Amino acid sequence: MDDPAILVAGETLVDFLPARPGPLADVETFSRRAGGAAANVAIGLSRLDRPPWFLTNVSTDGFGDFLARTLDENGVPDRFVTRSEHPTALAFVSHDANADRRFTFYRTGSADGRLDGRVVPDSVLDSLEWVCVDAPVALAAEPARSALLDLCERARERGCRVAFDPNTRRELWPDEATLHETLDAMLARTDVVKTSVEDLDGTSFAAADPADLAANLFTAGPHTVFVTRGADGSRALAADRAPWGPVDVSRAGYDVDPVDATGAGDAFLAGGLSGLAAGDPLDEVLGFANAVGALTATETGAIDALPDREAVAALRE
């Protein structure tokens, strides 16, 4: 098998999903699932027959053993999966009064924040087409934040394209200034950004219209913006300087019965990267990514629900 053309970088952690909807104070039973935005993307790509390199740091504790085993069982190469004695980050999922998902993180001094990009040599970056950063937890902590910024800088210097999902979770950040500075720094190193109107609310890029949002992001660095719209599908907008030229295309979502939206955005990103790496036109990339995201929402837990190509093809028939 050829070496991967994609490297995904970010956190691997444990999600605890509630046995029933409701606020955290009322939930008595949870089920343990492997998670983390970047881990979802990495395993999503592997399910789609495009296993990537995965840069992450996993604890040596029992939860870390469970996570390392999950990555291995899903065909993710472990060359850049490091281990340390720092504890595993835990995320408890609950629902607020509007039935929207809420994440409560326990991660002081956790392993995900010790990610080290120096383990990826320049020779590997030279061979890559894409580096993908989907790391809302890891980017919020040092030294992982600096490591990810440096990795993207090195990748760009070697002609590798960078995809980024801001996936902002403000409760993780020490202050708003650090969040905004990090967004600016990452976007300056980004070619393709996947986001939503809601995700960038409260930032200098915010706009209610996806076209205005994309225009704001173009000035920050990216040449292409994927805007997800949940059940309504997605839209891709590309600037004149994009390698595929100016594009503005939308694709509708798929009619499925949603059960749990956890990880659906990460699944969309995995589907989108798979299409970009294959050289597909952006309208086809959107259609494929929409299907991957939709199928992931039909089961509980992100990783267990990630589809393979056969399932995606069946949905798109």
C-alpha atoms as a PDB file:
ATOM      1  CA  MET A   1       0.000   0.000   0.000  1.00  0.00           C
ATOM      2  CA  ASP A   2       1.246   3.498  -0.838  1.00  0.00           C
ATOM      3  CA  ASP A   3       1.953   5.921   1.996  1.00  0.00           C
ATOM      4  CA  PRO A   4      -1.005   8.164   2.894  1.00  0.00           C
ATOM      5  CA  ALA A   5      -1.462  11.420   0.987  1.00  0.00           C
ATOM      6  CA  ILE A   6      -3.303  13.016   3.927  1.00  0.00           C
ATOM      7  CA  LEU A   7      -2.183  13.725   7.479  1.00  0.00           C
ATOM      8  CA  VAL A   8      -4.849  14.530  10.079  1.00  0.00           C
ATOM      9  CA  ALA A   9      -3.726  16.318  13.252  1.00  0.00           C
ATOM     10  CA  GLY A  10      -5.561  16.863  16.524  1.00  0.00           C
ATOM     11  CA  GLU A  11      -7.013  15.257  19.593  1.00  0.00           C
ATOM     12  CA  THR A  12      -8.205  11.800  20.525  1.00  0.00           C
ATOM     13  CA  LEU A  13     -10.359  11.629  23.657  1.00  0.00           C
ATOM     14  CA  VAL A  14     -13.255   9.786  25.269  1.00  0.00           C
ATOM     15  CA  ASP A  15     -16.867  10.881  24.852  1.00  0.00           C
ATOM     16  CA  PHE A  16     -19.421   9.860  27.452  1.00  0.00           C
ATOM     17  CA  LEU A  17     -22.885   9.793  25.858  1.00  0.00           C
ATOM     18  CA  PRO A  18     -25.981  10.064  28.071  1.00  0.00           C
ATOM     19  CA  ALA A  19     -28.421   7.178  28.334  1.00  0.00           C
ATOM     20  CA  ARG A  20     -31.250   9.687  27.877  1.00  0.00           C
ATOM     21  CA  PRO A  21     -31.568  13.362  26.871  1.00  0.00           C
ATOM     22  CA  GLY A  22     -31.474  16.019  29.563  1.00  0.00           C
ATOM     23  CA  PRO A  23     -29.170  18.310  31.503  1.00  0.00           C
ATOM     24  CA  LEU A  24     -25.969  16.874  32.920  1.00  0.00           C
ATOM     25  CA  ALA A  25     -27.266  17.083  36.497  1.00  0.00           C
ATOM     26  CA  ASP A  26     -30.082  14.658  35.657  1.00  0.00           C
ATOM     27  CA  VAL A  27     -28.098  12.023  33.737  1.00  0.00           C
ATOM     28  CA  GLU A  28     -27.167   8.945  35.769  1.00  0.00           C
ATOM     29  CA  THR A  29     -25.777   6.623  33.077  1.00  0.00           C
ATOM     30  CA  PHE A  30     -23.363   7.208  30.226  1.00  0.00           C
ATOM     31  CA  SER A  31     -21.828   5.008  27.550  1.00  0.00           C
ATOM     32  CA  ARG A  32     -18.121   5.320  26.740  1.00  0.00           C
ATOM     33  CA  ARG A  33     -17.146   6.050  23.141  1.00  0.00           C
ATOM     34  CA  ALA A  34     -13.877   6.906  21.439  1.00  0.00           C
ATOM     35  CA  GLY A  35     -13.980  10.445  20.125  1.00  0.00           C
ATOM     36  CA  GLY A  36     -12.196  13.671  19.400  1.00  0.00           C
ATOM     37  CA  ALA A  37     -12.775  15.711  16.245  1.00  0.00           C
ATOM     38  CA  ALA A  38      -9.499  14.728  14.582  1.00  0.00           C
ATOM     39  CA  ALA A  39      -9.928  11.053  15.487  1.00  0.00           C
ATOM     40  CA  ASN A  40     -13.380  11.160  13.879  1.00  0.00           C
ATOM     41  CA  VAL A  41     -11.861  12.560  10.667  1.00  0.00           C
ATOM     42  CA  ALA A  42      -8.983  10.069  10.641  1.00  0.00           C
ATOM     43  CA  ILE A  43     -11.230   7.047  11.153  1.00  0.00           C
ATOM     44  CA  GLY A  44     -13.776   8.499   8.728  1.00  0.00           C
ATOM     45  CA  LEU A  45     -11.102   8.608   6.020  1.00  0.00           C
ATOM     46  CA  SER A  46     -10.031   5.063   6.835  1.00  0.00           C
ATOM     47  CA  ARG A  47     -13.626   3.840   6.484  1.00  0.00           C
ATOM     48  CA  LEU A  48     -13.667   5.512   3.065  1.00  0.00           C
ATOM     49  CA  ASP A  49     -10.607   3.484   2.002  1.00  0.00           C
ATOM     50  CA  ARG A  50      -8.211   6.407   2.365  1.00  0.00           C
ATOM     51  CA  PRO A  51      -6.433   5.839   5.721  1.00  0.00           C
ATOM     52  CA  PRO A  52      -4.382   8.918   6.661  1.00  0.00           C
ATOM     53  CA  TRP A  53      -1.368   9.482   8.814  1.00  0.00           C
ATOM     54  CA  PHE A  54      -2.667  10.647  12.181  1.00  0.00           C
ATOM     55  CA  LEU A  55      -0.741  12.987  14.457  1.00  0.00           C
ATOM     56  CA  THR A  56      -2.120  12.780  17.984  1.00  0.00           C
ATOM     57  CA  ASN A  57      -1.022  12.112  21.552  1.00  0.00           C
ATOM     58  CA  VAL A  58      -2.781   9.441  23.601  1.00  0.00           C
ATOM     59  CA  SER A  59      -2.458   8.731  27.296  1.00  0.00           C
ATOM     60  CA  THR A  60      -0.887   5.580  28.709  1.00  0.00           C
ATOM     61  CA  ASP A  61      -3.844   5.237  31.102  1.00  0.00           C
ATOM     62  CA  GLY A  62      -6.678   2.760  30.593  1.00  0.00           C
ATOM     63  CA  PHE A  63      -8.722   5.165  28.523  1.00  0.00           C
ATOM     64  CA  GLY A  64      -5.665   5.758  26.349  1.00  0.00           C
ATOM     65  CA  ASP A  65      -5.275   2.011  25.793  1.00  0.00           C
ATOM     66  CA  PHE A  66      -8.912   1.920  24.675  1.00  0.00           C
ATOM     67  CA  LEU A  67      -8.333   4.825  22.262  1.00  0.00           C
ATOM     68  CA  ALA A  68      -5.136   3.362  20.804  1.00  0.00           C
ATOM     69  CA  ARG A  69      -6.924   0.049  20.272  1.00  0.00           C
ATOM     70  CA  THR A  70      -9.832   1.816  18.553  1.00  0.00           C
ATOM     71  CA  LEU A  71      -7.499   3.605  16.122  1.00  0.00           C
ATOM     72  CA  ASP A  72      -5.735   0.333  15.325  1.00  0.00           C
ATOM     73  CA  GLU A  73      -8.983  -1.592  14.828  1.00  0.00           C
ATOM     74  CA  ASN A  74     -10.103   1.057  12.356  1.00  0.00           C
ATOM     75  CA  GLY A  75      -6.978   0.874  10.227  1.00  0.00           C
ATOM     76  CA  VAL A  76      -5.374   4.179  11.249  1.00  0.00           C
ATOM     77  CA  PRO A  77      -1.547   3.919  11.054  1.00  0.00           C
ATOM     78  CA  ASP A  78       0.145   4.519  14.407  1.00  0.00           C
ATOM     79  CA  ARG A  79       3.438   5.976  13.141  1.00  0.00           C
ATOM     80  CA  PHE A  80       2.658   9.445  14.546  1.00  0.00           C
ATOM     81  CA  VAL A  81       0.403   8.383  17.428  1.00  0.00           C
ATOM     82  CA  THR A  82       2.501   9.198  20.480  1.00  0.00           C
ATOM     83  CA  ARG A  83       1.792   8.183  24.075  1.00  0.00           C
ATOM     84  CA  SER A  84       2.403  10.027  27.350  1.00  0.00           C
ATOM     85  CA  GLU A  85       1.512   9.627  31.016  1.00  0.00           C
ATOM     86  CA  HIS A  86      -0.818  12.645  31.006  1.00  0.00           C
ATOM     87  CA  PRO A  87      -4.475  11.706  31.622  1.00  0.00           C
ATOM     88  CA  THR A  88      -7.027  11.222  28.856  1.00  0.00           C
ATOM     89  CA  ALA A  89      -9.351  14.140  28.182  1.00  0.00           C
ATOM     90  CA  LEU A  90     -13.009  13.310  28.847  1.00  0.00           C
ATOM     91  CA  ALA A  91     -16.063  14.933  27.260  1.00  0.00           C
ATOM     92  CA  PHE A  92     -19.535  14.452  28.738  1.00  0.00           C
ATOM     93  CA  VAL A  93     -22.411  15.082  26.336  1.00  0.00           C
ATOM     94  CA  SER A  94     -25.752  16.386  27.584  1.00  0.00           C
ATOM     95  CA  HIS A  95     -28.690  18.404  26.251  1.00  0.00           C
ATOM     96  CA  ASP A  96     -29.833  21.879  27.218  1.00  0.00           C
ATOM     97  CA  ALA A  97     -33.415  23.135  27.502  1.00  0.00           C
ATOM     98  CA  ASN A  98     -33.640  23.450  23.708  1.00  0.00           C
ATOM     99  CA  ALA A  99     -32.444  19.857  23.233  1.00  0.00           C
ATOM    100  CA  ASP A 100     -29.153  21.121  21.760  1.00  0.00           C
ATOM    101  CA  ARG A 101     -26.039  19.108  22.577  1.00  0.00           C
ATOM    102  CA  ARG A 102     -23.644  20.455  25.174  1.00  0.00           C
ATOM    103  CA  PHE A 103     -20.113  19.207  25.903  1.00  0.00           C
ATOM    104  CA  THR A 104     -18.537  19.382  29.347  1.00  0.00           C
ATOM    105  CA  PHE A 105     -14.798  18.769  29.174  1.00  0.00           C
ATOM    106  CA  TYR A 106     -12.426  17.440  31.834  1.00  0.00           C
ATOM    107  CA  ARG A 107      -8.936  17.925  30.478  1.00  0.00           C
ATOM    108  CA  THR A 108      -6.626  19.773  32.861  1.00  0.00           C
ATOM    109  CA  GLY A 109      -3.106  18.656  31.936  1.00  0.00           C
ATOM    110  CA  SER A 110      -4.484  16.054  29.533  1.00  0.00           C
ATOM    111  CA  ALA A 111      -2.594  14.137  26.865  1.00  0.00           C
ATOM    112  CA  ASP A 112      -4.238  15.850  23.892  1.00  0.00           C
ATOM    113  CA  GLY A 113      -2.531  19.127  24.787  1.00  0.00           C
ATOM    114  CA  ARG A 114       0.909  17.447  24.503  1.00  0.00           C
ATOM    115  CA  LEU A 115       0.717  16.799  20.768  1.00  0.00           C
ATOM    116  CA  ASP A 116       4.182  17.196  19.183  1.00  0.00           C
ATOM    117  CA  GLY A 117       4.433  18.007  15.481  1.00  0.00           C
ATOM    118  CA  ARG A 118       8.193  17.465  15.453  1.00  0.00           C
ATOM    119  CA  VAL A 119       7.629  13.710  15.185  1.00  0.00           C
ATOM    120  CA  VAL A 120       6.516  14.297  11.573  1.00  0.00           C
ATOM    121  CA  PRO A 121       9.712  14.689   9.518  1.00  0.00           C
ATOM    122  CA  ASP A 122      10.062  17.001   6.542  1.00  0.00           C
ATOM    123  CA  SER A 123      10.392  13.970   4.252  1.00  0.00           C
ATOM    124  CA  VAL A 124       6.823  12.942   5.135  1.00  0.00           C
ATOM    125  CA  LEU A 125       5.489  16.461   4.566  1.00  0.00           C
ATOM    126  CA  ASP A 126       7.182  16.410   1.168  1.00  0.00           C
ATOM    127  CA  SER A 127       5.128  13.352   0.231  1.00  0.00           C
ATOM    128  CA  LEU A 128       1.750  14.679   1.424  1.00  0.00           C
ATOM    129  CA  GLU A 129      -1.001  16.397  -0.524  1.00  0.00           C
ATOM    130  CA  TRP A 130      -3.051  17.534   2.474  1.00  0.00           C
ATOM    131  CA  VAL A 131      -2.667  18.310   6.167  1.00  0.00           C
ATOM    132  CA  CYS A 132      -5.998  18.559   7.988  1.00  0.00           C
ATOM    133  CA  VAL A 133      -6.378  20.270  11.364  1.00  0.00           C
ATOM    134  CA  ASP A 134      -9.691  19.635  13.139  1.00  0.00           C
ATOM    135  CA  ALA A 135      -8.571  20.222  16.700  1.00  0.00           C
ATOM    136  CA  PRO A 136     -10.902  22.377  18.807  1.00  0.00           C
ATOM    137  CA  VAL A 137      -9.533  20.826  21.998  1.00  0.00           C
ATOM    138  CA  ALA A 138      -5.833  20.569  21.147  1.00  0.00           C
ATOM    139  CA  LEU A 139      -5.632  24.094  19.679  1.00  0.00           C
ATOM    140  CA  ALA A 140      -6.986  25.526  22.915  1.00  0.00           C
ATOM    141  CA  ALA A 141      -3.925  24.401  24.915  1.00  0.00           C
ATOM    142  CA  GLU A 142      -0.170  24.741  24.773  1.00  0.00           C
ATOM    143  CA  PRO A 143       2.136  23.207  23.668  1.00  0.00           C
ATOM    144  CA  ALA A 144      -0.282  21.591  21.172  1.00  0.00           C
ATOM    145  CA  ARG A 145      -1.381  24.957  19.756  1.00  0.00           C
ATOM    146  CA  SER A 146       2.144  26.014  18.804  1.00  0.00           C
ATOM    147  CA  ALA A 147       2.894  22.514  17.518  1.00  0.00           C
ATOM    148  CA  LEU A 148      -0.091  22.582  15.151  1.00  0.00           C
ATOM    149  CA  LEU A 149       0.700  26.075  13.881  1.00  0.00           C
ATOM    150  CA  ASP A 150       4.305  25.067  13.232  1.00  0.00           C
ATOM    151  CA  LEU A 151       3.204  21.869  11.469  1.00  0.00           C
ATOM    152  CA  CYS A 152       0.974  23.837   9.098  1.00  0.00           C
ATOM    153  CA  GLU A 153       3.723  26.356   8.421  1.00  0.00           C
ATOM    154  CA  ARG A 154       6.165  23.575   7.542  1.00  0.00           C
ATOM    155  CA  ALA A 155       3.559  21.847   5.378  1.00  0.00           C
ATOM    156  CA  ARG A 156       2.815  24.991   3.381  1.00  0.00           C
ATOM    157  CA  GLU A 157       6.534  25.593   2.831  1.00  0.00           C
ATOM    158  CA  ARG A 158       6.685  22.163   1.167  1.00  0.00           C
ATOM    159  CA  GLY A 159       3.754  22.696  -1.153  1.00  0.00           C
ATOM    160  CA  CYS A 160       1.270  20.752   0.954  1.00  0.00           C
ATOM    161  CA  ARG A 161      -2.270  22.132   1.143  1.00  0.00           C
ATOM    162  CA  VAL A 162      -3.893  22.696   4.542  1.00  0.00           C
ATOM    163  CA  ALA A 163      -7.554  22.080   5.423  1.00  0.00           C
ATOM    164  CA  PHE A 164      -8.912  23.517   8.671  1.00  0.00           C
ATOM    165  CA  ASP A 165     -12.153  23.245  10.629  1.00  0.00           C
ATOM    166  CA  PRO A 166     -12.323  25.993  13.308  1.00  0.00           C
ATOM    167  CA  ASN A 167     -14.953  23.946  15.193  1.00  0.00           C
ATOM    168  CA  THR A 168     -14.857  26.607  17.921  1.00  0.00           C
ATOM    169  CA  ARG A 169     -15.748  25.626  21.472  1.00  0.00           C
ATOM    170  CA  ARG A 170     -15.348  28.811  23.434  1.00  0.00           C
ATOM    171  CA  GLU A 171     -15.588  27.121  26.833  1.00  0.00           C
ATOM    172  CA  LEU A 172     -12.197  25.506  26.185  1.00  0.00           C
ATOM    173  CA  TRP A 173     -10.252  28.720  25.621  1.00  0.00           C
ATOM    174  CA  PRO A 174      -8.461  30.710  28.342  1.00  0.00           C
ATOM    175  CA  ASP A 175      -9.784  33.986  26.888  1.00  0.00           C
ATOM    176  CA  GLU A 176     -11.348  35.443  23.747  1.00  0.00           C
ATOM    177  CA  ALA A 177      -8.134  37.143  22.659  1.00  0.00           C
ATOM    178  CA  THR A 178      -6.245  33.853  22.470  1.00  0.00           C
ATOM    179  CA  LEU A 179      -9.070  32.277  20.472  1.00  0.00           C
ATOM    180  CA  HIS A 180      -9.127  35.100  17.929  1.00  0.00           C
ATOM    181  CA  GLU A 181      -5.330  35.223  17.627  1.00  0.00           C
ATOM    182  CA  THR A 182      -5.232  31.472  17.010  1.00  0.00           C
ATOM    183  CA  LEU A 183      -7.994  31.659  14.401  1.00  0.00           C
ATOM    184  CA  ASP A 184      -6.084  34.389  12.571  1.00  0.00           C
ATOM    185  CA  ALA A 185      -2.840  32.388  12.702  1.00  0.00           C
ATOM    186  CA  MET A 186      -4.451  29.141  11.521  1.00  0.00           C
ATOM    187  CA  LEU A 187      -6.426  30.781   8.719  1.00  0.00           C
ATOM    188  CA  ALA A 188      -3.265  32.454   7.447  1.00  0.00           C
ATOM    189  CA  ARG A 189      -1.870  28.930   7.000  1.00  0.00           C
ATOM    190  CA  THR A 190      -5.052  27.447   5.474  1.00  0.00           C
ATOM    191  CA  ASP A 191      -6.084  26.696   1.891  1.00  0.00           C
ATOM    192  CA  VAL A 192      -9.523  25.156   2.471  1.00  0.00           C
ATOM    193  CA  VAL A 193     -11.680  25.893   5.503  1.00  0.00           C
ATOM    194  CA  LYS A 194     -14.828  23.997   6.490  1.00  0.00           C
ATOM    195  CA  THR A 195     -17.165  25.886   8.805  1.00  0.00           C
ATOM    196  CA  SER A 196     -20.728  27.078   9.392  1.00  0.00           C
ATOM    197  CA  VAL A 197     -22.336  30.470   9.890  1.00  0.00           C
ATOM    198  CA  GLU A 198     -22.996  29.632  13.537  1.00  0.00           C
ATOM    199  CA  ASP A 199     -19.458  28.414  14.258  1.00  0.00           C
ATOM    200  CA  LEU A 200     -17.885  31.788  13.518  1.00  0.00           C
ATOM    201  CA  ASP A 201     -20.484  33.950  15.273  1.00  0.00           C
ATOM    202  CA  GLY A 202     -18.759  36.482  17.502  1.00  0.00           C
ATOM    203  CA  THR A 203     -15.548  36.524  15.455  1.00  0.00           C
ATOM    204  CA  SER A 204     -14.298  39.143  13.012  1.00  0.00           C
ATOM    205  CA  PHE A 205     -15.298  36.821  10.150  1.00  0.00           C
ATOM    206  CA  ALA A 206     -18.952  36.464  11.169  1.00  0.00           C
ATOM    207  CA  ALA A 207     -21.686  36.986   8.576  1.00  0.00           C
ATOM    208  CA  ALA A 208     -25.221  35.667   8.205  1.00  0.00           C
ATOM    209  CA  ASP A 209     -24.850  35.147   4.445  1.00  0.00           C
ATOM    210  CA  PRO A 210     -22.461  32.313   3.458  1.00  0.00           C
ATOM    211  CA  ALA A 211     -21.143  34.405   0.560  1.00  0.00           C
ATOM    212  CA  ASP A 212     -20.218  37.237   2.914  1.00  0.00           C
ATOM    213  CA  LEU A 213     -18.715  34.749   5.367  1.00  0.00           C
ATOM    214  CA  ALA A 214     -16.583  33.267   2.587  1.00  0.00           C
ATOM    215  CA  ALA A 215     -15.469  36.719   1.428  1.00  0.00           C
ATOM    216  CA  ASN A 216     -14.344  37.529   4.966  1.00  0.00           C
ATOM    217  CA  LEU A 217     -12.424  34.257   5.181  1.00  0.00           C
ATOM    218  CA  PHE A 218     -10.777  34.785   1.782  1.00  0.00           C
ATOM    219  CA  THR A 219      -9.094  37.905   3.165  1.00  0.00           C
ATOM    220  CA  ALA A 220      -7.641  35.860   6.035  1.00  0.00           C
ATOM    221  CA  GLY A 221      -5.913  33.252   3.857  1.00  0.00           C
ATOM    222  CA  PRO A 222      -8.114  30.395   2.562  1.00  0.00           C
ATOM    223  CA  HIS A 223      -9.015  30.273  -1.125  1.00  0.00           C
ATOM    224  CA  THR A 224     -11.936  27.843  -0.668  1.00  0.00           C
ATOM    225  CA  VAL A 225     -14.687  27.709   1.965  1.00  0.00           C
ATOM    226  CA  PHE A 226     -17.107  24.863   2.661  1.00  0.00           C
ATOM    227  CA  VAL A 227     -20.152  26.119   4.572  1.00  0.00           C
ATOM    228  CA  THR A 228     -22.242  23.345   6.142  1.00  0.00           C
ATOM    229  CA  ARG A 229     -25.949  23.897   6.746  1.00  0.00           C
ATOM    230  CA  GLY A 230     -27.020  20.781   8.639  1.00  0.00           C
ATOM    231  CA  ALA A 231     -29.979  19.018   7.054  1.00  0.00           C
ATOM    232  CA  ASP A 232     -30.083  21.706   4.341  1.00  0.00           C
ATOM    233  CA  GLY A 233     -26.792  20.521   2.838  1.00  0.00           C
ATOM    234  CA  SER A 234     -23.727  22.613   2.117  1.00  0.00           C
ATOM    235  CA  ARG A 235     -22.193  25.246  -0.119  1.00  0.00           C
ATOM    236  CA  ALA A 236     -18.694  25.619  -1.546  1.00  0.00           C
ATOM    237  CA  LEU A 237     -17.257  28.982  -2.484  1.00  0.00           C
ATOM    238  CA  ALA A 238     -13.821  29.452  -4.037  1.00  0.00           C
ATOM    239  CA  ALA A 239     -11.899  32.603  -4.881  1.00  0.00           C
ATOM    240  CA  ASP A 240     -10.306  33.353  -8.259  1.00  0.00           C
ATOM    241  CA  ARG A 241      -6.933  32.217  -6.920  1.00  0.00           C
ATOM    242  CA  ALA A 242      -8.167  28.719  -6.024  1.00  0.00           C
ATOM    243  CA  PRO A 243      -6.540  25.942  -8.119  1.00  0.00           C
ATOM    244  CA  TRP A 244     -10.004  25.014  -9.425  1.00  0.00           C
ATOM    245  CA  GLY A 245     -10.876  28.652 -10.154  1.00  0.00           C
ATOM    246  CA  PRO A 246     -13.865  30.640  -8.866  1.00  0.00           C
ATOM    247  CA  VAL A 247     -16.714  28.405  -7.701  1.00  0.00           C
ATOM    248  CA  ASP A 248     -20.060  28.923  -5.977  1.00  0.00           C
ATOM    249  CA  VAL A 249     -22.028  25.688  -5.799  1.00  0.00           C
ATOM    250  CA  SER A 250     -24.573  24.243  -3.377  1.00  0.00           C
ATOM    251  CA  ARG A 251     -25.772  20.694  -2.774  1.00  0.00           C
ATOM    252  CA  ALA A 252     -28.890  19.709  -0.860  1.00  0.00           C
ATOM    253  CA  GLY A 253     -28.786  17.445   2.159  1.00  0.00           C
ATOM    254  CA  TYR A 254     -30.103  13.889   2.313  1.00  0.00           C
ATOM    255  CA  ASP A 255     -33.395  12.779   3.817  1.00  0.00           C
ATOM    256  CA  VAL A 256     -32.409  10.606   6.775  1.00  0.00           C
ATOM    257  CA  ASP A 257     -33.775  10.006  10.258  1.00  0.00           C
ATOM    258  CA  PRO A 258     -31.231  11.720  12.541  1.00  0.00           C
ATOM    259  CA  VAL A 259     -30.464  10.157  15.915  1.00  0.00           C
ATOM    260  CA  ASP A 260     -27.256  11.855  17.087  1.00  0.00           C
ATOM    261  CA  ALA A 261     -25.441  14.705  15.330  1.00  0.00           C
ATOM    262  CA  THR A 262     -22.193  14.125  17.252  1.00  0.00           C
ATOM    263  CA  GLY A 263     -19.352  13.978  14.756  1.00  0.00           C
ATOM    264  CA  ALA A 264     -21.460  14.705  11.666  1.00  0.00           C
ATOM    265  CA  GLY A 265     -19.366  17.764  10.833  1.00  0.00           C
ATOM    266  CA  ASP A 266     -16.153  15.770  11.228  1.00  0.00           C
ATOM    267  CA  ALA A 267     -17.625  13.088   8.970  1.00  0.00           C
ATOM    268  CA  PHE A 268     -18.445  15.745   6.361  1.00  0.00           C
ATOM    269  CA  LEU A 269     -14.828  16.891   6.524  1.00  0.00           C
ATOM    270  CA  ALA A 270     -13.575  13.317   6.040  1.00  0.00           C
ATOM    271  CA  GLY A 271     -15.824  12.936   3.007  1.00  0.00           C
ATOM    272  CA  GLY A 272     -14.722  16.281   1.637  1.00  0.00           C
ATOM    273  CA  LEU A 273     -11.033  15.495   2.041  1.00  0.00           C
ATOM    274  CA  SER A 274     -11.522  12.143   0.364  1.00  0.00           C
ATOM    275  CA  GLY A 275     -13.068  13.876  -2.637  1.00  0.00           C
ATOM    276  CA  LEU A 276     -10.439  16.620  -2.776  1.00  0.00           C
ATOM    277  CA  ALA A 277      -7.635  14.062  -2.633  1.00  0.00           C
ATOM    278  CA  ALA A 278      -9.285  12.203  -5.520  1.00  0.00           C
ATOM    279  CA  GLY A 279      -9.391  15.403  -7.581  1.00  0.00           C
ATOM    280  CA  ASP A 280     -13.194  15.459  -7.812  1.00  0.00           C
ATOM    281  CA  PRO A 281     -14.975  18.694  -8.808  1.00  0.00           C
ATOM    282  CA  LEU A 282     -16.339  20.684  -5.883  1.00  0.00           C
ATOM    283  CA  ASP A 283     -19.999  19.906  -6.575  1.00  0.00           C
ATOM    284  CA  GLU A 284     -19.228  16.173  -6.383  1.00  0.00           C
ATOM    285  CA  VAL A 285     -17.091  16.718  -3.285  1.00  0.00           C
ATOM    286  CA  LEU A 286     -20.079  18.405  -1.617  1.00  0.00           C
ATOM    287  CA  GLY A 287     -22.538  15.695  -2.590  1.00  0.00           C
ATOM    288  CA  PHE A 288     -20.289  12.933  -1.278  1.00  0.00           C
ATOM    289  CA  ALA A 289     -19.447  14.826   1.936  1.00  0.00           C
ATOM    290  CA  ASN A 290     -23.122  15.565   2.588  1.00  0.00           C
ATOM    291  CA  ALA A 291     -23.920  11.858   2.372  1.00  0.00           C
ATOM    292  CA  VAL A 292     -21.101  10.903   4.757  1.00  0.00           C
ATOM    293  CA  GLY A 293     -22.260  13.488   7.289  1.00  0.00           C
ATOM    294  CA  ALA A 294     -25.921  12.510   6.977  1.00  0.00           C
ATOM    295  CA  LEU A 295     -25.254   8.809   7.542  1.00  0.00           C
ATOM    296  CA  THR A 296     -23.153   9.574  10.622  1.00  0.00           C
ATOM    297  CA  ALA A 297     -26.145  11.318  12.202  1.00  0.00           C
ATOM    298  CA  THR A 298     -28.321   8.202  11.905  1.00  0.00           C
ATOM    299  CA  GLU A 299     -26.632   6.323  14.762  1.00  0.00           C
ATOM    300  CA  THR A 300     -25.436   7.159  18.267  1.00  0.00           C
ATOM    301  CA  GLY A 301     -21.775   8.107  18.623  1.00  0.00           C
ATOM    302  CA  ALA A 302     -19.565   9.484  15.887  1.00  0.00           C
ATOM    303  CA  ILE A 303     -17.048   6.711  15.250  1.00  0.00           C
ATOM    304  CA  ASP A 304     -19.469   3.806  15.384  1.00  0.00           C
ATOM    305  CA  ALA A 305     -21.681   5.592  12.847  1.00  0.00           C
ATOM    306  CA  LEU A 306     -19.017   6.551  10.291  1.00  0.00           C
ATOM    307  CA  PRO A 307     -19.994   4.957   6.950  1.00  0.00           C
ATOM    308  CA  ASP A 308     -18.001   3.104   4.323  1.00  0.00           C
ATOM    309  CA  ARG A 309     -18.151   3.804   0.597  1.00  0.00           C
ATOM    310  CA  GLU A 310     -20.789   1.159  -0.014  1.00  0.00           C
ATOM    311  CA  ALA A 311     -23.182   2.803   2.444  1.00  0.00           C
ATOM    312  CA  VAL A 312     -22.536   6.233   0.944  1.00  0.00           C
ATOM    313  CA  ALA A 313     -23.172   4.930  -2.570  1.00  0.00           C
ATOM    314  CA  ALA A 314     -26.421   3.311  -1.448  1.00  0.00           C
ATOM    315  CA  LEU A 315     -27.696   6.562   0.065  1.00  0.00           C
ATOM    316  CA  ARG A 316     -26.843   8.498  -3.095  1.00  0.00           C
ATOM    317  CA  GLU A 317     -28.606   6.139  -5.509  1.00  0.00           C
END
